[in-house]
Amino acid sequence: MSSTKVIAVLGATGAQGGGLARAILDDPHGGYSCRAVTRDPDSDTARGLAERGAEVVRADLDDESTLIEAFQGAHGAYCMTNFFEHFSADKELEQAAKLANAVQAAGVSHAIWSTQRDTRDWVPLEDNRLPTLQGRYKVPHWDAKGEANRFFDDSGVPTTFLHLPTFWDNFVTPGAPQRPQRGPDGVLAIMAPLGDMKLPGIAAEDIGRCAYGIFKNGTACAGKSVGVASEHLTGAEFAARLSEALGEQVRFRHVPVEALRESMLPGANLVANMFQLTKENLENYCAHYDVALSRSLNPWLQSFADWLAANVHLLRTPAGSR
């Protein structure tokens, strides 16, 4: 009978969960095995994980009974939700409650909850410096996750609260706003309301490796908030590294928050609120994303330049193609 400890991984066919699934599978003698939890066990990605040795099981974030079944017998559980599948903070809160109930009911020994800061701790709802969204949130995709922390606290399951910064993968994802776009003058540019702010970032693959490091450390991080990052860079520094990787100029263009808010683009208020609150609380925000701690959890932590060197071919692929 195998003595390995099972880690159940939500989102195992996606970015951050996929990084953890691969980190476990890349360490066959590490004492852990991967249970990939997905809505579609028949997807190509799920089949690929199964071929590498993962146990693939079906579960749905909206069906608590399937989550309990997926977590049964697991030592650890990586719990996450995806706001951008439905754009509803209330729905995300409901799903998080089901996850917390499920890890408790299944007797999981250590959970990681992929969370964010609740920005209402910085700016109360009655503060009109920026609009309240979806009825009771300032940054819906952060606030609901932060509010959901209490579900895991109340569950009694030892839980590490994992905070994630910008995913570098968005720079190469077709259709993502962070991907360099060629302007009318033919020069590539990245655009964001950054000014000269340094923001933390990390590759999705390294998120998974850091999460694996947390599980391997037992419950040393249980009850703690852990912010992971590989580097803190300005918009100009992101552009400079992209220029070096591509061998052509990439400019950084600052977009004022006010201009973004007035643009009427889908989700403009959400993104504008996020950047405004980050800027107003920059020191507090950035201090939470600890590069040294991240490296202690994941000795293979990549710099942005190193990650680009391995992924620059994705930038040379036309943005509309796969």
C-alpha atoms as a PDB file:
ATOM      1  CA  MET A   1       0.000   0.000   0.000  1.00  0.00           C
ATOM      2  CA  SER A   2       1.369   3.395  -0.937  1.00  0.00           C
ATOM      3  CA  SER A   3       2.538   5.624   1.915  1.00  0.00           C
ATOM      4  CA  THR A   4       2.357   8.811  -0.116  1.00  0.00           C
ATOM      5  CA  LYS A   5       0.163  11.641   1.085  1.00  0.00           C
ATOM      6  CA  VAL A   6      -2.510  12.704  -1.382  1.00  0.00           C
ATOM      7  CA  ILE A   7      -2.827  16.387  -2.304  1.00  0.00           C
ATOM      8  CA  ALA A   8      -6.145  17.209  -3.962  1.00  0.00           C
ATOM      9  CA  VAL A   9      -5.629  20.069  -6.410  1.00  0.00           C
ATOM     10  CA  LEU A  10      -8.520  22.270  -7.520  1.00  0.00           C
ATOM     11  CA  GLY A  11      -7.952  23.901 -10.900  1.00  0.00           C
ATOM     12  CA  ALA A  12      -5.428  21.214 -11.835  1.00  0.00           C
ATOM     13  CA  THR A  13      -6.065  21.777 -15.541  1.00  0.00           C
ATOM     14  CA  GLY A  14      -5.586  25.551 -15.232  1.00  0.00           C
ATOM     15  CA  ALA A  15      -2.679  27.869 -14.484  1.00  0.00           C
ATOM     16  CA  GLN A  16      -1.952  27.919 -10.749  1.00  0.00           C
ATOM     17  CA  GLY A  17      -3.478  24.499  -9.958  1.00  0.00           C
ATOM     18  CA  GLY A  18      -1.725  23.012 -12.977  1.00  0.00           C
ATOM     19  CA  GLY A  19       1.595  24.328 -11.689  1.00  0.00           C
ATOM     20  CA  LEU A  20       1.060  22.528  -8.373  1.00  0.00           C
ATOM     21  CA  ALA A  21      -0.056  19.316 -10.084  1.00  0.00           C
ATOM     22  CA  ARG A  22       3.108  19.294 -12.191  1.00  0.00           C
ATOM     23  CA  ALA A  23       5.315  20.132  -9.197  1.00  0.00           C
ATOM     24  CA  ILE A  24       3.993  17.062  -7.367  1.00  0.00           C
ATOM     25  CA  LEU A  25       4.341  14.838 -10.430  1.00  0.00           C
ATOM     26  CA  ASP A  26       7.872  16.131 -11.066  1.00  0.00           C
ATOM     27  CA  ASP A  27       8.882  14.830  -7.614  1.00  0.00           C
ATOM     28  CA  PRO A  28       7.876  11.146  -7.678  1.00  0.00           C
ATOM     29  CA  HIS A  29       9.929  10.316  -4.589  1.00  0.00           C
ATOM     30  CA  GLY A  30       8.799  13.338  -2.567  1.00  0.00           C
ATOM     31  CA  GLY A  31       6.198  11.475  -0.525  1.00  0.00           C
ATOM     32  CA  TYR A  32       3.153  13.100  -2.149  1.00  0.00           C
ATOM     33  CA  SER A  33       0.776  12.118  -4.914  1.00  0.00           C
ATOM     34  CA  CYS A  34      -1.498  14.301  -7.013  1.00  0.00           C
ATOM     35  CA  ARG A  35      -5.269  14.052  -7.158  1.00  0.00           C
ATOM     36  CA  ALA A  36      -6.293  16.390  -9.963  1.00  0.00           C
ATOM     37  CA  VAL A  37      -9.773  17.773  -9.336  1.00  0.00           C
ATOM     38  CA  THR A  38     -11.568  19.051 -12.433  1.00  0.00           C
ATOM     39  CA  ARG A  39     -15.036  19.508 -13.886  1.00  0.00           C
ATOM     40  CA  ASP A  40     -13.954  17.677 -17.044  1.00  0.00           C
ATOM     41  CA  PRO A  41     -11.823  14.564 -16.467  1.00  0.00           C
ATOM     42  CA  ASP A  42     -11.990  13.862 -20.208  1.00  0.00           C
ATOM     43  CA  SER A  43     -10.233  17.068 -21.280  1.00  0.00           C
ATOM     44  CA  ASP A  44      -6.874  16.747 -23.013  1.00  0.00           C
ATOM     45  CA  THR A  45      -5.109  18.413 -20.078  1.00  0.00           C
ATOM     46  CA  ALA A  46      -6.732  16.077 -17.548  1.00  0.00           C
ATOM     47  CA  ARG A  47      -5.817  13.056 -19.650  1.00  0.00           C
ATOM     48  CA  GLY A  48      -2.242  14.326 -19.835  1.00  0.00           C
ATOM     49  CA  LEU A  49      -2.047  14.540 -16.029  1.00  0.00           C
ATOM     50  CA  ALA A  50      -3.473  11.026 -15.741  1.00  0.00           C
ATOM     51  CA  GLU A  51      -0.836   9.724 -18.145  1.00  0.00           C
ATOM     52  CA  ARG A  52       1.830  11.211 -15.880  1.00  0.00           C
ATOM     53  CA  GLY A  53       0.411   9.396 -12.838  1.00  0.00           C
ATOM     54  CA  ALA A  54      -2.173  11.759 -11.376  1.00  0.00           C
ATOM     55  CA  GLU A  55      -5.461  10.458 -10.056  1.00  0.00           C
ATOM     56  CA  VAL A  56      -8.088  12.501 -11.903  1.00  0.00           C
ATOM     57  CA  VAL A  57     -11.487  13.012 -10.274  1.00  0.00           C
ATOM     58  CA  ARG A  58     -14.525  15.099 -11.136  1.00  0.00           C
ATOM     59  CA  ALA A  59     -15.944  17.808  -8.879  1.00  0.00           C
ATOM     60  CA  ASP A  60     -17.919  21.022  -9.274  1.00  0.00           C
ATOM     61  CA  LEU A  61     -17.452  24.120  -7.133  1.00  0.00           C
ATOM     62  CA  ASP A  62     -21.217  24.587  -7.078  1.00  0.00           C
ATOM     63  CA  ASP A  63     -21.850  21.048  -5.744  1.00  0.00           C
ATOM     64  CA  GLU A  64     -20.507  20.589  -2.222  1.00  0.00           C
ATOM     65  CA  SER A  65     -21.097  16.825  -2.217  1.00  0.00           C
ATOM     66  CA  THR A  66     -18.732  16.352  -5.169  1.00  0.00           C
ATOM     67  CA  LEU A  67     -16.066  18.392  -3.379  1.00  0.00           C
ATOM     68  CA  ILE A  68     -16.355  16.306  -0.215  1.00  0.00           C
ATOM     69  CA  GLU A  69     -15.995  13.146  -2.290  1.00  0.00           C
ATOM     70  CA  ALA A  70     -12.962  14.585  -4.115  1.00  0.00           C
ATOM     71  CA  PHE A  71     -11.252  15.464  -0.824  1.00  0.00           C
ATOM     72  CA  GLN A  72     -11.927  12.136   0.938  1.00  0.00           C
ATOM     73  CA  GLY A  73      -8.674  10.537   2.075  1.00  0.00           C
ATOM     74  CA  ALA A  74      -6.573  13.521   1.009  1.00  0.00           C
ATOM     75  CA  HIS A  75      -3.907  14.870   3.329  1.00  0.00           C
ATOM     76  CA  GLY A  76      -3.863  18.281   1.652  1.00  0.00           C
ATOM     77  CA  ALA A  77      -6.192  20.319  -0.524  1.00  0.00           C
ATOM     78  CA  TYR A  78      -5.382  23.270  -2.771  1.00  0.00           C
ATOM     79  CA  CYS A  79      -8.529  25.388  -2.853  1.00  0.00           C
ATOM     80  CA  MET A  80      -9.218  28.130  -5.374  1.00  0.00           C
ATOM     81  CA  THR A  81     -12.053  29.836  -7.230  1.00  0.00           C
ATOM     82  CA  ASN A  82     -12.098  31.675 -10.533  1.00  0.00           C
ATOM     83  CA  PHE A  83     -14.001  34.972 -10.487  1.00  0.00           C
ATOM     84  CA  PHE A  84     -13.414  35.474 -14.209  1.00  0.00           C
ATOM     85  CA  GLU A  85     -15.503  32.437 -15.135  1.00  0.00           C
ATOM     86  CA  HIS A  86     -18.678  34.198 -14.000  1.00  0.00           C
ATOM     87  CA  PHE A  87     -17.686  37.728 -12.788  1.00  0.00           C
ATOM     88  CA  SER A  88     -19.820  37.403  -9.635  1.00  0.00           C
ATOM     89  CA  ALA A  89     -18.217  38.075  -6.239  1.00  0.00           C
ATOM     90  CA  ASP A  90     -21.267  36.675  -4.439  1.00  0.00           C
ATOM     91  CA  LYS A  91     -20.999  33.424  -6.394  1.00  0.00           C
ATOM     92  CA  GLU A  92     -17.286  33.223  -5.589  1.00  0.00           C
ATOM     93  CA  LEU A  93     -18.110  33.654  -1.899  1.00  0.00           C
ATOM     94  CA  GLU A  94     -20.654  30.827  -2.078  1.00  0.00           C
ATOM     95  CA  GLN A  95     -18.145  28.540  -3.769  1.00  0.00           C
ATOM     96  CA  ALA A  96     -15.493  29.312  -1.150  1.00  0.00           C
ATOM     97  CA  ALA A  97     -17.936  28.423   1.630  1.00  0.00           C
ATOM     98  CA  LYS A  98     -18.565  25.061  -0.035  1.00  0.00           C
ATOM     99  CA  LEU A  99     -14.804  24.443  -0.283  1.00  0.00           C
ATOM    100  CA  ALA A 100     -14.269  25.205   3.411  1.00  0.00           C
ATOM    101  CA  ASN A 101     -17.172  22.941   4.378  1.00  0.00           C
ATOM    102  CA  ALA A 102     -15.797  20.189   2.167  1.00  0.00           C
ATOM    103  CA  VAL A 103     -12.249  20.196   3.581  1.00  0.00           C
ATOM    104  CA  GLN A 104     -13.737  20.026   7.071  1.00  0.00           C
ATOM    105  CA  ALA A 105     -16.178  17.238   6.225  1.00  0.00           C
ATOM    106  CA  ALA A 106     -13.477  15.185   4.465  1.00  0.00           C
ATOM    107  CA  GLY A 107     -11.008  15.533   7.336  1.00  0.00           C
ATOM    108  CA  VAL A 108      -8.263  17.227   5.328  1.00  0.00           C
ATOM    109  CA  SER A 109      -5.144  17.880   7.431  1.00  0.00           C
ATOM    110  CA  HIS A 110      -3.859  20.993   5.633  1.00  0.00           C
ATOM    111  CA  ALA A 111      -5.586  23.310   3.156  1.00  0.00           C
ATOM    112  CA  ILE A 112      -4.160  26.104   1.060  1.00  0.00           C
ATOM    113  CA  TRP A 113      -6.730  28.778   0.187  1.00  0.00           C
ATOM    114  CA  SER A 114      -5.749  30.958  -2.784  1.00  0.00           C
ATOM    115  CA  THR A 115      -6.949  34.333  -1.566  1.00  0.00           C
ATOM    116  CA  GLN A 116      -6.468  38.108  -1.777  1.00  0.00           C
ATOM    117  CA  ARG A 117      -6.699  41.197   0.399  1.00  0.00           C
ATOM    118  CA  ASP A 118     -10.172  42.464   1.232  1.00  0.00           C
ATOM    119  CA  THR A 119      -9.768  46.054   0.045  1.00  0.00           C
ATOM    120  CA  ARG A 120     -12.698  47.191   2.186  1.00  0.00           C
ATOM    121  CA  ASP A 121     -10.190  47.085   5.051  1.00  0.00           C
ATOM    122  CA  TRP A 122      -8.439  49.961   3.224  1.00  0.00           C
ATOM    123  CA  VAL A 123     -11.456  51.821   1.861  1.00  0.00           C
ATOM    124  CA  PRO A 124     -14.884  51.346   3.473  1.00  0.00           C
ATOM    125  CA  LEU A 125     -17.912  51.109   1.224  1.00  0.00           C
ATOM    126  CA  GLU A 126     -19.139  54.570   2.199  1.00  0.00           C
ATOM    127  CA  ASP A 127     -15.891  56.124   0.915  1.00  0.00           C
ATOM    128  CA  ASN A 128     -16.769  57.652  -2.459  1.00  0.00           C
ATOM    129  CA  ARG A 129     -13.220  58.097  -3.727  1.00  0.00           C
ATOM    130  CA  LEU A 130     -13.979  55.136  -5.955  1.00  0.00           C
ATOM    131  CA  PRO A 131     -17.259  53.429  -6.846  1.00  0.00           C
ATOM    132  CA  THR A 132     -18.765  50.516  -4.972  1.00  0.00           C
ATOM    133  CA  LEU A 133     -19.252  47.566  -7.341  1.00  0.00           C
ATOM    134  CA  GLN A 134     -21.720  44.668  -7.362  1.00  0.00           C
ATOM    135  CA  GLY A 135     -23.543  46.214  -4.428  1.00  0.00           C
ATOM    136  CA  ARG A 136     -20.963  45.773  -1.674  1.00  0.00           C
ATOM    137  CA  TYR A 137     -17.438  45.460  -3.033  1.00  0.00           C
ATOM    138  CA  LYS A 138     -14.625  47.800  -4.055  1.00  0.00           C
ATOM    139  CA  VAL A 139     -12.522  45.203  -5.915  1.00  0.00           C
ATOM    140  CA  PRO A 140     -14.922  42.262  -6.272  1.00  0.00           C
ATOM    141  CA  HIS A 141     -12.405  39.607  -7.347  1.00  0.00           C
ATOM    142  CA  TRP A 142     -10.214  40.432  -4.317  1.00  0.00           C
ATOM    143  CA  ASP A 143     -12.791  41.291  -1.679  1.00  0.00           C
ATOM    144  CA  ALA A 144     -14.825  38.086  -1.928  1.00  0.00           C
ATOM    145  CA  LYS A 145     -11.711  35.952  -1.562  1.00  0.00           C
ATOM    146  CA  GLY A 146     -10.571  37.975   1.445  1.00  0.00           C
ATOM    147  CA  GLU A 147     -14.012  37.783   3.042  1.00  0.00           C
ATOM    148  CA  ALA A 148     -14.004  34.013   2.478  1.00  0.00           C
ATOM    149  CA  ASN A 149     -10.936  33.586   4.711  1.00  0.00           C
ATOM    150  CA  ARG A 150     -13.315  33.370   7.670  1.00  0.00           C
ATOM    151  CA  PHE A 151     -14.905  30.215   6.286  1.00  0.00           C
ATOM    152  CA  PHE A 152     -11.556  28.428   6.468  1.00  0.00           C
ATOM    153  CA  ASP A 153     -10.814  29.899   9.903  1.00  0.00           C
ATOM    154  CA  ASP A 154     -14.188  28.668  11.145  1.00  0.00           C
ATOM    155  CA  SER A 155     -13.669  25.209   9.621  1.00  0.00           C
ATOM    156  CA  GLY A 156     -10.903  24.420  12.086  1.00  0.00           C
ATOM    157  CA  VAL A 157      -8.813  22.910   9.256  1.00  0.00           C
ATOM    158  CA  PRO A 158      -5.179  24.150   9.375  1.00  0.00           C
ATOM    159  CA  THR A 159      -5.122  26.553   6.430  1.00  0.00           C
ATOM    160  CA  THR A 160      -2.424  28.589   4.713  1.00  0.00           C
ATOM    161  CA  PHE A 161      -3.749  31.750   3.065  1.00  0.00           C
ATOM    162  CA  LEU A 162      -1.811  32.087  -0.184  1.00  0.00           C
ATOM    163  CA  HIS A 163      -1.737  35.548  -1.808  1.00  0.00           C
ATOM    164  CA  LEU A 164      -0.850  35.756  -5.490  1.00  0.00           C
ATOM    165  CA  PRO A 165       0.400  38.775  -7.481  1.00  0.00           C
ATOM    166  CA  THR A 166       0.337  39.438 -11.230  1.00  0.00           C
ATOM    167  CA  PHE A 167       0.809  36.304 -13.347  1.00  0.00           C
ATOM    168  CA  TRP A 168       3.608  36.796 -15.882  1.00  0.00           C
ATOM    169  CA  ASP A 169       1.803  34.304 -18.104  1.00  0.00           C
ATOM    170  CA  ASN A 170      -0.633  37.108 -18.987  1.00  0.00           C
ATOM    171  CA  PHE A 171       2.129  38.817 -20.979  1.00  0.00           C
ATOM    172  CA  VAL A 172       2.077  35.958 -23.506  1.00  0.00           C
ATOM    173  CA  THR A 173      -1.587  34.911 -23.366  1.00  0.00           C
ATOM    174  CA  PRO A 174      -3.482  35.704 -26.593  1.00  0.00           C
ATOM    175  CA  GLY A 175      -6.131  38.318 -25.916  1.00  0.00           C
ATOM    176  CA  ALA A 176      -4.829  39.289 -22.468  1.00  0.00           C
ATOM    177  CA  PRO A 177      -4.560  43.079 -21.926  1.00  0.00           C
ATOM    178  CA  GLN A 178      -0.984  42.720 -20.650  1.00  0.00           C
ATOM    179  CA  ARG A 179       0.241  41.195 -23.919  1.00  0.00           C
ATOM    180  CA  PRO A 180       2.354  43.666 -25.968  1.00  0.00           C
ATOM    181  CA  GLN A 181       0.350  45.295 -28.732  1.00  0.00           C
ATOM    182  CA  ARG A 182       1.765  46.882 -31.875  1.00  0.00           C
ATOM    183  CA  GLY A 183       0.752  50.521 -32.266  1.00  0.00           C
ATOM    184  CA  PRO A 184       0.095  52.551 -35.415  1.00  0.00           C
ATOM    185  CA  ASP A 185       3.814  53.393 -35.573  1.00  0.00           C
ATOM    186  CA  GLY A 186       4.673  49.682 -35.641  1.00  0.00           C
ATOM    187  CA  VAL A 187       6.275  49.695 -32.172  1.00  0.00           C
ATOM    188  CA  LEU A 188       5.168  47.203 -29.531  1.00  0.00           C
ATOM    189  CA  ALA A 189       3.860  48.560 -26.224  1.00  0.00           C
ATOM    190  CA  ILE A 190       2.441  47.393 -22.927  1.00  0.00           C
ATOM    191  CA  MET A 191      -0.087  49.674 -21.251  1.00  0.00           C
ATOM    192  CA  ALA A 192      -1.220  49.829 -17.616  1.00  0.00           C
ATOM    193  CA  PRO A 193      -1.998  52.377 -14.868  1.00  0.00           C
ATOM    194  CA  LEU A 194       1.362  51.719 -13.193  1.00  0.00           C
ATOM    195  CA  GLY A 195       3.272  54.979 -13.367  1.00  0.00           C
ATOM    196  CA  ASP A 196       6.590  54.218 -11.686  1.00  0.00           C
ATOM    197  CA  MET A 197       5.135  51.705  -9.215  1.00  0.00           C
ATOM    198  CA  LYS A 198       7.007  48.465  -8.656  1.00  0.00           C
ATOM    199  CA  LEU A 199       4.584  45.567  -8.631  1.00  0.00           C
ATOM    200  CA  PRO A 200       5.204  41.942  -7.608  1.00  0.00           C
ATOM    201  CA  GLY A 201       4.829  39.212 -10.179  1.00  0.00           C
ATOM    202  CA  ILE A 202       5.424  35.500 -10.650  1.00  0.00           C
ATOM    203  CA  ALA A 203       5.043  32.718 -13.212  1.00  0.00           C
ATOM    204  CA  ALA A 204       2.085  30.381 -12.699  1.00  0.00           C
ATOM    205  CA  GLU A 205       4.498  27.452 -12.696  1.00  0.00           C
ATOM    206  CA  ASP A 206       6.339  28.968  -9.734  1.00  0.00           C
ATOM    207  CA  ILE A 207       3.082  29.503  -7.852  1.00  0.00           C
ATOM    208  CA  GLY A 208       2.579  25.747  -8.018  1.00  0.00           C
ATOM    209  CA  ARG A 209       6.112  25.051  -6.850  1.00  0.00           C
ATOM    210  CA  CYS A 210       5.709  27.480  -3.937  1.00  0.00           C
ATOM    211  CA  ALA A 211       2.423  25.828  -2.955  1.00  0.00           C
ATOM    212  CA  TYR A 212       4.136  22.443  -3.062  1.00  0.00           C
ATOM    213  CA  GLY A 213       6.854  23.842  -0.801  1.00  0.00           C
ATOM    214  CA  ILE A 214       4.173  24.939   1.680  1.00  0.00           C
ATOM    215  CA  PHE A 215       2.694  21.436   1.768  1.00  0.00           C
ATOM    216  CA  LYS A 216       6.151  19.871   2.170  1.00  0.00           C
ATOM    217  CA  ASN A 217       6.803  22.128   5.174  1.00  0.00           C
ATOM    218  CA  GLY A 218       3.871  20.539   6.983  1.00  0.00           C
ATOM    219  CA  THR A 219       1.673  22.981   8.845  1.00  0.00           C
ATOM    220  CA  ALA A 220       4.458  25.509   9.502  1.00  0.00           C
ATOM    221  CA  CYS A 221       2.512  28.085   7.476  1.00  0.00           C
ATOM    222  CA  ALA A 222      -0.937  27.105   8.754  1.00  0.00           C
ATOM    223  CA  GLY A 223      -2.901  30.103   9.968  1.00  0.00           C
ATOM    224  CA  LYS A 224      -0.531  32.447   8.147  1.00  0.00           C
ATOM    225  CA  SER A 225      -0.898  34.694   5.101  1.00  0.00           C
ATOM    226  CA  VAL A 226       1.867  33.971   2.601  1.00  0.00           C
ATOM    227  CA  GLY A 227       2.471  36.271  -0.371  1.00  0.00           C
ATOM    228  CA  VAL A 228       4.650  34.811  -3.118  1.00  0.00           C
ATOM    229  CA  ALA A 229       6.557  36.683  -5.831  1.00  0.00           C
ATOM    230  CA  SER A 230       9.666  36.299  -7.952  1.00  0.00           C
ATOM    231  CA  GLU A 231      10.413  39.989  -8.551  1.00  0.00           C
ATOM    232  CA  HIS A 232       8.972  43.456  -8.030  1.00  0.00           C
ATOM    233  CA  LEU A 233       9.240  45.439 -11.291  1.00  0.00           C
ATOM    234  CA  THR A 234       8.061  48.750 -12.724  1.00  0.00           C
ATOM    235  CA  GLY A 235       6.232  48.999 -16.033  1.00  0.00           C
ATOM    236  CA  ALA A 236       9.413  50.350 -17.633  1.00  0.00           C
ATOM    237  CA  GLU A 237      11.386  47.372 -16.286  1.00  0.00           C
ATOM    238  CA  PHE A 238       8.821  44.929 -17.647  1.00  0.00           C
ATOM    239  CA  ALA A 239       9.118  46.648 -21.035  1.00  0.00           C
ATOM    240  CA  ALA A 240      12.936  46.581 -20.952  1.00  0.00           C
ATOM    241  CA  ARG A 241      13.022  42.841 -20.284  1.00  0.00           C
ATOM    242  CA  LEU A 242      10.447  42.202 -22.989  1.00  0.00           C
ATOM    243  CA  SER A 243      12.590  44.266 -25.401  1.00  0.00           C
ATOM    244  CA  GLU A 244      15.658  42.171 -24.586  1.00  0.00           C
ATOM    245  CA  ALA A 245      13.784  38.896 -25.014  1.00  0.00           C
ATOM    246  CA  LEU A 246      12.147  39.869 -28.316  1.00  0.00           C
ATOM    247  CA  GLY A 247      15.132  41.701 -29.773  1.00  0.00           C
ATOM    248  CA  GLU A 248      13.005  44.754 -30.576  1.00  0.00           C
ATOM    249  CA  GLN A 249      11.738  47.767 -28.686  1.00  0.00           C
ATOM    250  CA  VAL A 250       8.781  47.376 -26.358  1.00  0.00           C
ATOM    251  CA  ARG A 251       7.533  50.606 -24.796  1.00  0.00           C
ATOM    252  CA  PHE A 252       5.701  51.065 -21.526  1.00  0.00           C
ATOM    253  CA  ARG A 253       2.788  53.472 -21.714  1.00  0.00           C
ATOM    254  CA  HIS A 254       1.204  54.666 -18.492  1.00  0.00           C
ATOM    255  CA  VAL A 255      -2.592  54.885 -18.628  1.00  0.00           C
ATOM    256  CA  PRO A 256      -4.051  57.148 -15.900  1.00  0.00           C
ATOM    257  CA  VAL A 257      -6.587  55.415 -13.686  1.00  0.00           C
ATOM    258  CA  GLU A 258      -9.106  58.128 -14.539  1.00  0.00           C
ATOM    259  CA  ALA A 259      -8.712  57.472 -18.253  1.00  0.00           C
ATOM    260  CA  LEU A 260      -9.173  53.745 -17.716  1.00  0.00           C
ATOM    261  CA  ARG A 261     -12.292  54.330 -15.647  1.00  0.00           C
ATOM    262  CA  GLU A 262     -13.768  56.597 -18.325  1.00  0.00           C
ATOM    263  CA  SER A 263     -12.927  54.229 -21.170  1.00  0.00           C
ATOM    264  CA  MET A 264     -16.134  52.179 -20.718  1.00  0.00           C
ATOM    265  CA  LEU A 265     -14.185  49.008 -21.493  1.00  0.00           C
ATOM    266  CA  PRO A 266     -15.647  45.828 -19.961  1.00  0.00           C
ATOM    267  CA  GLY A 267     -14.488  45.600 -16.341  1.00  0.00           C
ATOM    268  CA  ALA A 268     -12.889  49.067 -16.446  1.00  0.00           C
ATOM    269  CA  ASN A 269     -14.168  50.098 -13.013  1.00  0.00           C
ATOM    270  CA  LEU A 270     -12.994  46.845 -11.454  1.00  0.00           C
ATOM    271  CA  VAL A 271      -9.464  47.206 -12.842  1.00  0.00           C
ATOM    272  CA  ALA A 272      -9.341  50.948 -12.113  1.00  0.00           C
ATOM    273  CA  ASN A 273     -10.353  50.391  -8.491  1.00  0.00           C
ATOM    274  CA  MET A 274      -7.721  47.680  -8.156  1.00  0.00           C
ATOM    275  CA  PHE A 275      -4.902  49.877  -9.434  1.00  0.00           C
ATOM    276  CA  GLN A 276      -6.049  52.943  -7.486  1.00  0.00           C
ATOM    277  CA  LEU A 277      -6.162  51.049  -4.188  1.00  0.00           C
ATOM    278  CA  THR A 278      -2.841  49.363  -4.896  1.00  0.00           C
ATOM    279  CA  LYS A 279      -1.191  52.736  -5.558  1.00  0.00           C
ATOM    280  CA  GLU A 280      -2.682  54.303  -2.435  1.00  0.00           C
ATOM    281  CA  ASN A 281      -1.515  51.366  -0.284  1.00  0.00           C
ATOM    282  CA  LEU A 282       1.603  50.456  -2.261  1.00  0.00           C
ATOM    283  CA  GLU A 283       4.097  49.924   0.562  1.00  0.00           C
ATOM    284  CA  ASN A 284       1.671  47.770   2.520  1.00  0.00           C
ATOM    285  CA  TYR A 285       0.657  45.848  -0.602  1.00  0.00           C
ATOM    286  CA  CYS A 286       4.154  45.124  -1.886  1.00  0.00           C
ATOM    287  CA  ALA A 287       5.592  44.222   1.515  1.00  0.00           C
ATOM    288  CA  HIS A 288       3.282  41.235   1.660  1.00  0.00           C
ATOM    289  CA  TYR A 289       4.872  39.596  -1.402  1.00  0.00           C
ATOM    290  CA  ASP A 290       8.129  38.186  -0.073  1.00  0.00           C
ATOM    291  CA  VAL A 291      10.694  37.109  -2.684  1.00  0.00           C
ATOM    292  CA  ALA A 292      13.085  35.568  -0.132  1.00  0.00           C
ATOM    293  CA  LEU A 293      10.313  33.487   1.433  1.00  0.00           C
ATOM    294  CA  SER A 294       9.151  32.427  -2.022  1.00  0.00           C
ATOM    295  CA  ARG A 295      12.664  31.267  -2.883  1.00  0.00           C
ATOM    296  CA  SER A 296      12.876  29.281   0.348  1.00  0.00           C
ATOM    297  CA  LEU A 297       9.690  27.467  -0.663  1.00  0.00           C
ATOM    298  CA  ASN A 298      10.787  27.113  -4.292  1.00  0.00           C
ATOM    299  CA  PRO A 299      14.566  27.091  -4.909  1.00  0.00           C
ATOM    300  CA  TRP A 300      13.895  27.076  -8.691  1.00  0.00           C
ATOM    301  CA  LEU A 301      12.170  30.482  -8.596  1.00  0.00           C
ATOM    302  CA  GLN A 302      12.539  32.189 -11.994  1.00  0.00           C
ATOM    303  CA  SER A 303      13.294  35.829 -12.691  1.00  0.00           C
ATOM    304  CA  PHE A 304      11.096  37.549 -15.262  1.00  0.00           C
ATOM    305  CA  ALA A 305      14.011  37.514 -17.729  1.00  0.00           C
ATOM    306  CA  ASP A 306      14.609  33.790 -17.211  1.00  0.00           C
ATOM    307  CA  TRP A 307      10.927  33.016 -17.595  1.00  0.00           C
ATOM    308  CA  LEU A 308      10.723  35.123 -20.764  1.00  0.00           C
ATOM    309  CA  ALA A 309      13.688  33.291 -22.275  1.00  0.00           C
ATOM    310  CA  ALA A 310      11.730  30.050 -22.004  1.00  0.00           C
ATOM    311  CA  ASN A 311       8.419  31.510 -23.173  1.00  0.00           C
ATOM    312  CA  VAL A 312       9.279  34.234 -25.696  1.00  0.00           C
ATOM    313  CA  HIS A 313       8.217  31.963 -28.554  1.00  0.00           C
ATOM    314  CA  LEU A 314       4.629  32.464 -27.362  1.00  0.00           C
ATOM    315  CA  LEU A 315       5.005  36.187 -28.008  1.00  0.00           C
ATOM    316  CA  ARG A 316       6.112  35.505 -31.547  1.00  0.00           C
ATOM    317  CA  THR A 317       2.879  33.595 -32.144  1.00  0.00           C
ATOM    318  CA  PRO A 318       0.155  35.817 -33.647  1.00  0.00           C
ATOM    319  CA  ALA A 319      -2.128  36.981 -30.827  1.00  0.00           C
ATOM    320  CA  GLY A 320      -5.191  35.429 -32.384  1.00  0.00           C
ATOM    321  CA  SER A 321      -3.697  31.961 -32.841  1.00  0.00           C
ATOM    322  CA  ARG A 322      -3.067  29.055 -30.489  1.00  0.00           C
END
